[in-house]
């Protein structure tokens, strides 16, 4: 699963890939990515990572978010929680900032 951040727009790519979570921002700094994500993003103490609201990911999935998708997404979130990849509130998941 990948979130593409371009200028002031975000979109979810590969919504059916539940084994990775990246934020693609080819020419943006972490601060610029967070500005585009607005309240749906927050900084991470890990270099080259940001937190993204789980609700925003679900919303970006659109029609792909059927019952099967939701079950797999919940399993992905549970796995992320077991690895410490959620924020303290448990409502955002850590994504790796990938150049492309």
PDB file of N, CA and C in Angstrom:
ATOM      1  N   UNK A   1       0.860  -1.163   0.000  1.00  0.00           N
ATOM      2  CA  UNK A   1       0.000   0.000   0.000  1.00  0.00           C
ATOM      3  C   UNK A   1       0.905   1.223   0.000  1.00  0.00           C
ATOM      4  N   UNK A   2       0.528   2.165  -0.828  1.00  0.00           N
ATOM      5  CA  UNK A   2       1.335   3.377  -0.950  1.00  0.00           C
ATOM      6  C   UNK A   2       0.432   4.602  -1.042  1.00  0.00           C
ATOM      7  N   UNK A   3       0.849   5.651  -0.373  1.00  0.00           N
ATOM      8  CA  UNK A   3       0.158   6.928  -0.513  1.00  0.00           C
ATOM      9  C   UNK A   3       1.061   7.821  -1.351  1.00  0.00           C
ATOM     10  N   UNK A   4       0.500   8.335  -2.419  1.00  0.00           N
ATOM     11  CA  UNK A   4       1.232   9.254  -3.279  1.00  0.00           C
ATOM     12  C   UNK A   4       0.887  10.677  -2.865  1.00  0.00           C
ATOM     13  N   UNK A   5       1.916  11.472  -2.621  1.00  0.00           N
ATOM     14  CA  UNK A   5       1.727  12.871  -2.242  1.00  0.00           C
ATOM     15  C   UNK A   5       2.379  13.721  -3.328  1.00  0.00           C
ATOM     16  N   UNK A   6       1.543  14.468  -4.052  1.00  0.00           N
ATOM     17  CA  UNK A   6       2.025  15.336  -5.128  1.00  0.00           C
ATOM     18  C   UNK A   6       1.429  16.715  -4.943  1.00  0.00           C
ATOM     19  N   UNK A   7       2.279  17.697  -4.776  1.00  0.00           N
ATOM     20  CA  UNK A   7       1.773  19.056  -4.606  1.00  0.00           C
ATOM     21  C   UNK A   7       0.827  19.140  -3.438  1.00  0.00           C
ATOM     22  N   UNK A   8      -0.463  19.349  -3.710  1.00  0.00           N
ATOM     23  CA  UNK A   8      -1.446  19.444  -2.632  1.00  0.00           C
ATOM     24  C   UNK A   8      -2.432  18.280  -2.677  1.00  0.00           C
ATOM     25  N   UNK A   9      -2.079  17.208  -3.380  1.00  0.00           N
ATOM     26  CA  UNK A   9      -2.993  16.095  -3.575  1.00  0.00           C
ATOM     27  C   UNK A   9      -2.411  14.798  -3.024  1.00  0.00           C
ATOM     28  N   UNK A  10      -3.288  13.931  -2.536  1.00  0.00           N
ATOM     29  CA  UNK A  10      -2.874  12.602  -2.082  1.00  0.00           C
ATOM     30  C   UNK A  10      -3.778  11.558  -2.725  1.00  0.00           C
ATOM     31  N   UNK A  11      -3.216  10.387  -2.966  1.00  0.00           N
ATOM     32  CA  UNK A  11      -4.017   9.281  -3.480  1.00  0.00           C
ATOM     33  C   UNK A  11      -3.419   7.973  -2.977  1.00  0.00           C
ATOM     34  N   UNK A  12      -4.251   6.957  -2.919  1.00  0.00           N
ATOM     35  CA  UNK A  12      -3.816   5.645  -2.457  1.00  0.00           C
ATOM     36  C   UNK A  12      -3.525   4.767  -3.659  1.00  0.00           C
ATOM     37  N   UNK A  13      -2.309   4.250  -3.717  1.00  0.00           N
ATOM     38  CA  UNK A  13      -1.886   3.337  -4.771  1.00  0.00           C
ATOM     39  C   UNK A  13      -1.765   1.941  -4.175  1.00  0.00           C
ATOM     40  N   UNK A  14      -1.998   0.946  -4.985  1.00  0.00           N
ATOM     41  CA  UNK A  14      -1.868  -0.445  -4.553  1.00  0.00           C
ATOM     42  C   UNK A  14      -2.661  -0.709  -3.262  1.00  0.00           C
ATOM     43  N   UNK A  15      -3.956  -0.402  -3.272  1.00  0.00           N
ATOM     44  CA  UNK A  15      -4.745  -0.560  -2.046  1.00  0.00           C
ATOM     45  C   UNK A  15      -4.877  -2.006  -1.571  1.00  0.00           C
ATOM     46  N   UNK A  16      -4.575  -2.959  -2.447  1.00  0.00           N
ATOM     47  CA  UNK A  16      -4.691  -4.369  -2.062  1.00  0.00           C
ATOM     48  C   UNK A  16      -3.361  -4.997  -1.662  1.00  0.00           C
ATOM     49  N   UNK A  17      -2.339  -4.175  -1.480  1.00  0.00           N
ATOM     50  CA  UNK A  17      -1.043  -4.667  -0.987  1.00  0.00           C
ATOM     51  C   UNK A  17      -0.969  -4.320   0.494  1.00  0.00           C
ATOM     52  N   UNK A  18      -1.029  -5.341   1.332  1.00  0.00           N
ATOM     53  CA  UNK A  18      -1.096  -5.137   2.776  1.00  0.00           C
ATOM     54  C   UNK A  18       0.211  -5.479   3.480  1.00  0.00           C
ATOM     55  N   UNK A  19       1.285  -5.670   2.724  1.00  0.00           N
ATOM     56  CA  UNK A  19       2.569  -6.081   3.296  1.00  0.00           C
ATOM     57  C   UNK A  19       3.573  -4.943   3.388  1.00  0.00           C
ATOM     58  N   UNK A  20       3.185  -3.744   2.976  1.00  0.00           N
ATOM     59  CA  UNK A  20       4.081  -2.589   3.055  1.00  0.00           C
ATOM     60  C   UNK A  20       3.227  -1.330   3.133  1.00  0.00           C
ATOM     61  N   UNK A  21       3.804  -0.283   3.708  1.00  0.00           N
ATOM     62  CA  UNK A  21       3.106   0.998   3.763  1.00  0.00           C
ATOM     63  C   UNK A  21       4.122   2.099   3.544  1.00  0.00           C
ATOM     64  N   UNK A  22       4.075   2.687   2.355  1.00  0.00           N
ATOM     65  CA  UNK A  22       5.006   3.747   1.978  1.00  0.00           C
ATOM     66  C   UNK A  22       4.248   5.027   1.663  1.00  0.00           C
ATOM     67  N   UNK A  23       4.946   6.137   1.832  1.00  0.00           N
ATOM     68  CA  UNK A  23       4.437   7.436   1.419  1.00  0.00           C
ATOM     69  C   UNK A  23       5.385   7.935   0.331  1.00  0.00           C
ATOM     70  N   UNK A  24       4.878   8.001  -0.895  1.00  0.00           N
ATOM     71  CA  UNK A  24       5.683   8.431  -2.032  1.00  0.00           C
ATOM     72  C   UNK A  24       5.578   9.933  -2.184  1.00  0.00           C
ATOM     73  N   UNK A  25       6.709  10.582  -2.075  1.00  0.00           N
ATOM     74  CA  UNK A  25       6.754  12.040  -2.202  1.00  0.00           C
ATOM     75  C   UNK A  25       8.060  12.402  -2.900  1.00  0.00           C
ATOM     76  N   UNK A  26       8.101  12.260  -4.227  1.00  0.00           N
ATOM     77  CA  UNK A  26       9.355  12.332  -4.973  1.00  0.00           C
ATOM     78  C   UNK A  26      10.197  13.590  -4.754  1.00  0.00           C
ATOM     79  N   UNK A  27       9.585  14.721  -4.601  1.00  0.00           N
ATOM     80  CA  UNK A  27      10.403  15.935  -4.486  1.00  0.00           C
ATOM     81  C   UNK A  27      10.004  16.796  -3.291  1.00  0.00           C
ATOM     82  N   UNK A  28       9.414  16.172  -2.281  1.00  0.00           N
ATOM     83  CA  UNK A  28       8.947  16.928  -1.125  1.00  0.00           C
ATOM     84  C   UNK A  28       9.725  16.557   0.132  1.00  0.00           C
ATOM     85  N   UNK A  29       9.954  17.548   0.973  1.00  0.00           N
ATOM     86  CA  UNK A  29      10.576  17.302   2.273  1.00  0.00           C
ATOM     87  C   UNK A  29       9.536  16.718   3.224  1.00  0.00           C
ATOM     88  N   UNK A  30       9.992  16.219   4.355  1.00  0.00           N
ATOM     89  CA  UNK A  30       9.066  15.694   5.358  1.00  0.00           C
ATOM     90  C   UNK A  30       8.064  16.763   5.777  1.00  0.00           C
ATOM     91  N   UNK A  31       8.536  17.980   5.998  1.00  0.00           N
ATOM     92  CA  UNK A  31       7.632  19.066   6.391  1.00  0.00           C
ATOM     93  C   UNK A  31       6.587  19.354   5.316  1.00  0.00           C
ATOM     94  N   UNK A  32       6.987  19.288   4.045  1.00  0.00           N
ATOM     95  CA  UNK A  32       6.043  19.514   2.960  1.00  0.00           C
ATOM     96  C   UNK A  32       5.008  18.392   2.892  1.00  0.00           C
ATOM     97  N   UNK A  33       5.445  17.165   3.092  1.00  0.00           N
ATOM     98  CA  UNK A  33       4.517  16.025   3.107  1.00  0.00           C
ATOM     99  C   UNK A  33       3.503  16.218   4.231  1.00  0.00           C
ATOM    100  N   UNK A  34       3.980  16.590   5.410  1.00  0.00           N
ATOM    101  CA  UNK A  34       3.076  16.791   6.543  1.00  0.00           C
ATOM    102  C   UNK A  34       2.097  17.936   6.275  1.00  0.00           C
ATOM    103  N   UNK A  35       2.550  18.966   5.587  1.00  0.00           N
ATOM    104  CA  UNK A  35       1.660  20.078   5.249  1.00  0.00           C
ATOM    105  C   UNK A  35       0.547  19.609   4.317  1.00  0.00           C
ATOM    106  N   UNK A  36       0.878  18.771   3.346  1.00  0.00           N
ATOM    107  CA  UNK A  36      -0.135  18.254   2.420  1.00  0.00           C
ATOM    108  C   UNK A  36      -1.102  17.332   3.160  1.00  0.00           C
ATOM    109  N   UNK A  37      -0.578  16.486   4.044  1.00  0.00           N
ATOM    110  CA  UNK A  37      -1.435  15.563   4.800  1.00  0.00           C
ATOM    111  C   UNK A  37      -2.307  16.299   5.817  1.00  0.00           C
ATOM    112  N   UNK A  38      -1.871  17.475   6.231  1.00  0.00           N
ATOM    113  CA  UNK A  38      -2.641  18.267   7.192  1.00  0.00           C
ATOM    114  C   UNK A  38      -2.858  17.496   8.486  1.00  0.00           C
ATOM    115  N   UNK A  39      -4.067  17.496   8.987  1.00  0.00           N
ATOM    116  CA  UNK A  39      -4.386  16.809  10.233  1.00  0.00           C
ATOM    117  C   UNK A  39      -4.332  15.295  10.116  1.00  0.00           C
ATOM    118  N   UNK A  40      -4.167  14.800   8.891  1.00  0.00           N
ATOM    119  CA  UNK A  40      -4.091  13.352   8.683  1.00  0.00           C
ATOM    120  C   UNK A  40      -2.666  12.826   8.824  1.00  0.00           C
ATOM    121  N   UNK A  41      -1.715  13.706   9.055  1.00  0.00           N
ATOM    122  CA  UNK A  41      -0.325  13.286   9.193  1.00  0.00           C
ATOM    123  C   UNK A  41       0.308  13.886  10.425  1.00  0.00           C
ATOM    124  N   UNK A  42       1.350  13.233  10.903  1.00  0.00           N
ATOM    125  CA  UNK A  42       2.128  13.772  12.012  1.00  0.00           C
ATOM    126  C   UNK A  42       3.554  13.234  11.907  1.00  0.00           C
ATOM    127  N   UNK A  43       4.499  13.951  12.501  1.00  0.00           N
ATOM    128  CA  UNK A  43       5.897  13.521  12.400  1.00  0.00           C
ATOM    129  C   UNK A  43       6.161  12.258  13.209  1.00  0.00           C
ATOM    130  N   UNK A  44       7.185  11.554  12.805  1.00  0.00           N
ATOM    131  CA  UNK A  44       7.659  10.368  13.518  1.00  0.00           C
ATOM    132  C   UNK A  44       9.068  10.641  14.012  1.00  0.00           C
ATOM    133  N   UNK A  45       9.435  10.023  15.123  1.00  0.00           N
ATOM    134  CA  UNK A  45      10.811  10.150  15.620  1.00  0.00           C
ATOM    135  C   UNK A  45      11.778   9.382  14.723  1.00  0.00           C
ATOM    136  N   UNK A  46      11.248   8.435  13.951  1.00  0.00           N
ATOM    137  CA  UNK A  46      12.080   7.657  13.027  1.00  0.00           C
ATOM    138  C   UNK A  46      12.412   8.513  11.805  1.00  0.00           C
ATOM    139  N   UNK A  47      13.688   8.565  11.413  1.00  0.00           N
ATOM    140  CA  UNK A  47      14.035   9.321  10.202  1.00  0.00           C
ATOM    141  C   UNK A  47      13.323   8.736   8.981  1.00  0.00           C
ATOM    142  N   UNK A  48      12.949   9.599   8.061  1.00  0.00           N
ATOM    143  CA  UNK A  48      12.313   9.194   6.799  1.00  0.00           C
ATOM    144  C   UNK A  48      10.996   8.450   6.995  1.00  0.00           C
ATOM    145  N   UNK A  49      10.242   8.800   8.038  1.00  0.00           N
ATOM    146  CA  UNK A  49       8.936   8.205   8.303  1.00  0.00           C
ATOM    147  C   UNK A  49       7.974   9.294   8.766  1.00  0.00           C
ATOM    148  N   UNK A  50       6.702   9.102   8.485  1.00  0.00           N
ATOM    149  CA  UNK A  50       5.632   9.955   8.997  1.00  0.00           C
ATOM    150  C   UNK A  50       4.479   9.058   9.418  1.00  0.00           C
ATOM    151  N   UNK A  51       3.629   9.575  10.270  1.00  0.00           N
ATOM    152  CA  UNK A  51       2.414   8.867  10.640  1.00  0.00           C
ATOM    153  C   UNK A  51       1.264   9.378   9.766  1.00  0.00           C
ATOM    154  N   UNK A  52       0.404   8.464   9.346  1.00  0.00           N
ATOM    155  CA  UNK A  52      -0.760   8.802   8.530  1.00  0.00           C
ATOM    156  C   UNK A  52      -2.003   8.243   9.222  1.00  0.00           C
ATOM    157  N   UNK A  53      -3.048   9.048   9.291  1.00  0.00           N
ATOM    158  CA  UNK A  53      -4.280   8.633   9.947  1.00  0.00           C
ATOM    159  C   UNK A  53      -4.866   7.388   9.280  1.00  0.00           C
ATOM    160  N   UNK A  54      -5.180   6.402  10.093  1.00  0.00           N
ATOM    161  CA  UNK A  54      -5.773   5.156   9.604  1.00  0.00           C
ATOM    162  C   UNK A  54      -7.104   5.455   8.915  1.00  0.00           C
ATOM    163  N   UNK A  55      -7.878   6.357   9.469  1.00  0.00           N
ATOM    164  CA  UNK A  55      -9.168   6.721   8.873  1.00  0.00           C
ATOM    165  C   UNK A  55      -8.980   7.339   7.485  1.00  0.00           C
ATOM    166  N   UNK A  56      -7.913   8.108   7.306  1.00  0.00           N
ATOM    167  CA  UNK A  56      -7.649   8.717   6.000  1.00  0.00           C
ATOM    168  C   UNK A  56      -7.282   7.655   4.968  1.00  0.00           C
ATOM    169  N   UNK A  57      -6.501   6.662   5.385  1.00  0.00           N
ATOM    170  CA  UNK A  57      -6.143   5.567   4.475  1.00  0.00           C
ATOM    171  C   UNK A  57      -7.411   4.831   4.054  1.00  0.00           C
ATOM    172  N   UNK A  58      -8.256   4.534   5.023  1.00  0.00           N
ATOM    173  CA  UNK A  58      -9.520   3.842   4.741  1.00  0.00           C
ATOM    174  C   UNK A  58     -10.371   4.659   3.770  1.00  0.00           C
ATOM    175  N   UNK A  59     -10.428   5.956   3.981  1.00  0.00           N
ATOM    176  CA  UNK A  59     -11.208   6.834   3.109  1.00  0.00           C
ATOM    177  C   UNK A  59     -10.633   6.869   1.696  1.00  0.00           C
ATOM    178  N   UNK A  60      -9.310   6.933   1.585  1.00  0.00           N
ATOM    179  CA  UNK A  60      -8.670   6.960   0.266  1.00  0.00           C
ATOM    180  C   UNK A  60      -8.879   5.662  -0.501  1.00  0.00           C
ATOM    181  N   UNK A  61      -9.128   4.570   0.206  1.00  0.00           N
ATOM    182  CA  UNK A  61      -9.324   3.279  -0.464  1.00  0.00           C
ATOM    183  C   UNK A  61     -10.610   3.265  -1.283  1.00  0.00           C
ATOM    184  N   UNK A  62     -11.560   4.105  -0.929  1.00  0.00           N
ATOM    185  CA  UNK A  62     -12.788   4.222  -1.710  1.00  0.00           C
ATOM    186  C   UNK A  62     -13.503   2.891  -1.895  1.00  0.00           C
ATOM    187  N   UNK A  63     -13.839   2.583  -3.143  1.00  0.00           N
ATOM    188  CA  UNK A  63     -14.599   1.373  -3.466  1.00  0.00           C
ATOM    189  C   UNK A  63     -13.826   0.093  -3.190  1.00  0.00           C
ATOM    190  N   UNK A  64     -12.499   0.175  -3.099  1.00  0.00           N
ATOM    191  CA  UNK A  64     -11.695  -1.022  -2.801  1.00  0.00           C
ATOM    192  C   UNK A  64     -11.950  -1.522  -1.382  1.00  0.00           C
ATOM    193  N   UNK A  65     -12.467  -0.642  -0.521  1.00  0.00           N
ATOM    194  CA  UNK A  65     -12.645  -0.972   0.894  1.00  0.00           C
ATOM    195  C   UNK A  65     -13.923  -1.770   1.144  1.00  0.00           C
ATOM    196  N   UNK A  66     -13.971  -2.976   0.579  1.00  0.00           N
ATOM    197  CA  UNK A  66     -15.085  -3.865   0.850  1.00  0.00           C
ATOM    198  C   UNK A  66     -14.793  -4.677   2.114  1.00  0.00           C
ATOM    199  N   UNK A  67     -15.628  -5.651   2.428  1.00  0.00           N
ATOM    200  CA  UNK A  67     -15.466  -6.430   3.659  1.00  0.00           C
ATOM    201  C   UNK A  67     -14.121  -7.155   3.702  1.00  0.00           C
ATOM    202  N   UNK A  68     -13.732  -7.772   2.586  1.00  0.00           N
ATOM    203  CA  UNK A  68     -12.455  -8.493   2.522  1.00  0.00           C
ATOM    204  C   UNK A  68     -11.280  -7.533   2.719  1.00  0.00           C
ATOM    205  N   UNK A  69     -11.376  -6.379   2.065  1.00  0.00           N
ATOM    206  CA  UNK A  69     -10.321  -5.373   2.202  1.00  0.00           C
ATOM    207  C   UNK A  69     -10.204  -4.947   3.663  1.00  0.00           C
ATOM    208  N   UNK A  70     -11.325  -4.681   4.294  1.00  0.00           N
ATOM    209  CA  UNK A  70     -11.322  -4.216   5.685  1.00  0.00           C
ATOM    210  C   UNK A  70     -10.693  -5.251   6.615  1.00  0.00           C
ATOM    211  N   UNK A  71     -10.984  -6.528   6.393  1.00  0.00           N
ATOM    212  CA  UNK A  71     -10.378  -7.576   7.217  1.00  0.00           C
ATOM    213  C   UNK A  71      -8.860  -7.597   7.055  1.00  0.00           C
ATOM    214  N   UNK A  72      -8.408  -7.491   5.808  1.00  0.00           N
ATOM    215  CA  UNK A  72      -6.963  -7.492   5.564  1.00  0.00           C
ATOM    216  C   UNK A  72      -6.305  -6.217   6.091  1.00  0.00           C
ATOM    217  N   UNK A  73      -7.009  -5.103   5.970  1.00  0.00           N
ATOM    218  CA  UNK A  73      -6.490  -3.843   6.492  1.00  0.00           C
ATOM    219  C   UNK A  73      -6.363  -3.909   8.008  1.00  0.00           C
ATOM    220  N   UNK A  74      -7.364  -4.464   8.673  1.00  0.00           N
ATOM    221  CA  UNK A  74      -7.305  -4.603  10.124  1.00  0.00           C
ATOM    222  C   UNK A  74      -6.149  -5.506  10.538  1.00  0.00           C
ATOM    223  N   UNK A  75      -5.891  -6.554   9.776  1.00  0.00           N
ATOM    224  CA  UNK A  75      -4.754  -7.434  10.066  1.00  0.00           C
ATOM    225  C   UNK A  75      -3.438  -6.671   9.891  1.00  0.00           C
ATOM    226  N   UNK A  76      -3.370  -5.820   8.868  1.00  0.00           N
ATOM    227  CA  UNK A  76      -2.179  -5.007   8.659  1.00  0.00           C
ATOM    228  C   UNK A  76      -1.967  -4.047   9.833  1.00  0.00           C
ATOM    229  N   UNK A  77      -3.044  -3.431  10.297  1.00  0.00           N
ATOM    230  CA  UNK A  77      -2.958  -2.502  11.427  1.00  0.00           C
ATOM    231  C   UNK A  77      -2.530  -3.252  12.690  1.00  0.00           C
ATOM    232  N   UNK A  78      -3.065  -4.435  12.910  1.00  0.00           N
ATOM    233  CA  UNK A  78      -2.685  -5.244  14.079  1.00  0.00           C
ATOM    234  C   UNK A  78      -1.208  -5.603  14.026  1.00  0.00           C
ATOM    235  N   UNK A  79      -0.729  -5.964  12.848  1.00  0.00           N
ATOM    236  CA  UNK A  79       0.691  -6.283  12.693  1.00  0.00           C
ATOM    237  C   UNK A  79       1.542  -5.041  12.973  1.00  0.00           C
ATOM    238  N   UNK A  80       1.127  -3.901  12.423  1.00  0.00           N
ATOM    239  CA  UNK A  80       1.860  -2.653  12.661  1.00  0.00           C
ATOM    240  C   UNK A  80       1.891  -2.326  14.150  1.00  0.00           C
ATOM    241  N   UNK A  81       0.786  -2.545  14.829  1.00  0.00           N
ATOM    242  CA  UNK A  81       0.727  -2.291  16.275  1.00  0.00           C
ATOM    243  C   UNK A  81       1.716  -3.193  17.012  1.00  0.00           C
ATOM    244  N   UNK A  82       1.815  -4.455  16.592  1.00  0.00           N
ATOM    245  CA  UNK A  82       2.727  -5.392  17.262  1.00  0.00           C
ATOM    246  C   UNK A  82       4.188  -5.013  17.070  1.00  0.00           C
ATOM    247  N   UNK A  83       4.477  -4.237  16.022  1.00  0.00           N
ATOM    248  CA  UNK A  83       5.843  -3.800  15.732  1.00  0.00           C
ATOM    249  C   UNK A  83       6.135  -2.398  16.259  1.00  0.00           C
ATOM    250  N   UNK A  84       5.116  -1.749  16.863  1.00  0.00           N
ATOM    251  CA  UNK A  84       5.304  -0.389  17.364  1.00  0.00           C
ATOM    252  C   UNK A  84       5.208   0.665  16.282  1.00  0.00           C
ATOM    253  N   UNK A  85       4.494   0.352  15.204  1.00  0.00           N
ATOM    254  CA  UNK A  85       4.390   1.261  14.067  1.00  0.00           C
ATOM    255  C   UNK A  85       3.115   2.077  14.059  1.00  0.00           C
ATOM    256  N   UNK A  86       2.445   2.176  15.213  1.00  0.00           N
ATOM    257  CA  UNK A  86       1.303   3.077  15.353  1.00  0.00           C
ATOM    258  C   UNK A  86       1.701   4.190  16.314  1.00  0.00           C
ATOM    259  N   UNK A  87       1.042   5.337  16.206  1.00  0.00           N
ATOM    260  CA  UNK A  87       1.315   6.400  17.168  1.00  0.00           C
ATOM    261  C   UNK A  87       0.738   6.009  18.528  1.00  0.00           C
ATOM    262  N   UNK A  88       1.010   6.811  19.542  1.00  0.00           N
ATOM    263  CA  UNK A  88       0.569   6.486  20.901  1.00  0.00           C
ATOM    264  C   UNK A  88      -0.944   6.349  21.010  1.00  0.00           C
ATOM    265  N   UNK A  89      -1.679   7.144  20.250  1.00  0.00           N
ATOM    266  CA  UNK A  89      -3.143   7.083  20.295  1.00  0.00           C
ATOM    267  C   UNK A  89      -3.691   5.880  19.527  1.00  0.00           C
ATOM    268  N   UNK A  90      -2.861   5.277  18.700  1.00  0.00           N
ATOM    269  CA  UNK A  90      -3.286   4.110  17.927  1.00  0.00           C
ATOM    270  C   UNK A  90      -4.162   4.439  16.739  1.00  0.00           C
ATOM    271  N   UNK A  91      -4.187   5.716  16.338  1.00  0.00           N
ATOM    272  CA  UNK A  91      -5.044   6.099  15.215  1.00  0.00           C
ATOM    273  C   UNK A  91      -4.272   6.481  13.953  1.00  0.00           C
ATOM    274  N   UNK A  92      -2.948   6.362  14.015  1.00  0.00           N
ATOM    275  CA  UNK A  92      -2.105   6.650  12.843  1.00  0.00           C
ATOM    276  C   UNK A  92      -1.065   5.565  12.688  1.00  0.00           C
ATOM    277  N   UNK A  93      -0.770   5.228  11.430  1.00  0.00           N
ATOM    278  CA  UNK A  93       0.207   4.209  11.102  1.00  0.00           C
ATOM    279  C   UNK A  93       1.448   4.854  10.494  1.00  0.00           C
ATOM    280  N   UNK A  94       2.612   4.322  10.847  1.00  0.00           N
ATOM    281  CA  UNK A  94       3.862   4.862  10.356  1.00  0.00           C
ATOM    282  C   UNK A  94       4.106   4.412   8.921  1.00  0.00           C
ATOM    283  N   UNK A  95       4.450   5.363   8.079  1.00  0.00           N
ATOM    284  CA  UNK A  95       4.788   5.056   6.695  1.00  0.00           C
ATOM    285  C   UNK A  95       6.191   5.520   6.382  1.00  0.00           C
ATOM    286  N   UNK A  96       6.885   4.722   5.596  1.00  0.00           N
ATOM    287  CA  UNK A  96       8.225   5.069   5.154  1.00  0.00           C
ATOM    288  C   UNK A  96       8.132   6.073   4.019  1.00  0.00           C
ATOM    289  N   UNK A  97       8.877   7.162   4.121  1.00  0.00           N
ATOM    290  CA  UNK A  97       8.924   8.148   3.041  1.00  0.00           C
ATOM    291  C   UNK A  97       9.826   7.599   1.945  1.00  0.00           C
ATOM    292  N   UNK A  98       9.237   7.263   0.836  1.00  0.00           N
ATOM    293  CA  UNK A  98       9.982   6.701  -0.287  1.00  0.00           C
ATOM    294  C   UNK A  98      10.103   7.759  -1.387  1.00  0.00           C
ATOM    295  N   UNK A  99      11.274   7.842  -2.007  1.00  0.00           N
ATOM    296  CA  UNK A  99      11.462   8.875  -3.028  1.00  0.00           C
ATOM    297  C   UNK A  99      10.589   8.680  -4.255  1.00  0.00           C
ATOM    298  N   UNK A 100      10.249   7.449  -4.593  1.00  0.00           N
ATOM    299  CA  UNK A 100       9.335   7.166  -5.714  1.00  0.00           C
ATOM    300  C   UNK A 100       8.971   5.709  -5.755  1.00  0.00           C
TER     301      UNK A 100
END
